[in-house]
Amino acid sequence: MILIALGSNLPFEGSAPRAVVEAALAALERESVHVVARSRWWSCAPVPPSEQARFVNGVVQVETMLAPRDLLSTLHRVEDAFGRVRTAPNAARTLDLDLLDYHGQVVNEALILPHPRLAERGFVLFPLAEVAPEWRHPLTGRSVAELIAALPPQDCRLI
């Protein structure tokens, strides 16, 4: 199972964040990354808390022939096409695409799998539970439901 998180809290070329993440799904399809399941969209406060706008977040399960590093490069290329500028960590962004899991592989190099902070993020776990309720963290073995139960209160809601 290959899982990707999507997020946006800045408009791009006149499109609101929700339209940006929807357009990103179409862009992934053009890059040979086929979406096989997707969550609903969630509105979540920024993490860590800040004055920036709320994010639109979701998770997709995809199929692709791309290797993990090639897939990550593709995700970065799609982010760039949507005006992503990497400034400070946790800054507002037009598009954020994170490779969460790639068939349960554990990698700790330039690419880290599973995504190192996914277990701490409600904005990832809530939509992940919709797409893959049976998913287990490759390092801890904990289910997505267990990870959600361990979260402190989260400011996320369906939109």
Foldseek 3Di string as FASTA:
>chain_A
DWKKKKKAQDAFPPHGLVVLVVVLQVLCVVVQKAFPDKFFWKWFAFPPHDPGHTMTMIMTDTDGPDDPVRVVVSQVVSQVVRPFDDDDPSDHGSMDMATQADVLDADDDPDGPNPPCQLADPSNLVNVCVGCQQDARSPPRHGSVVSVVPYDDTGMDGD
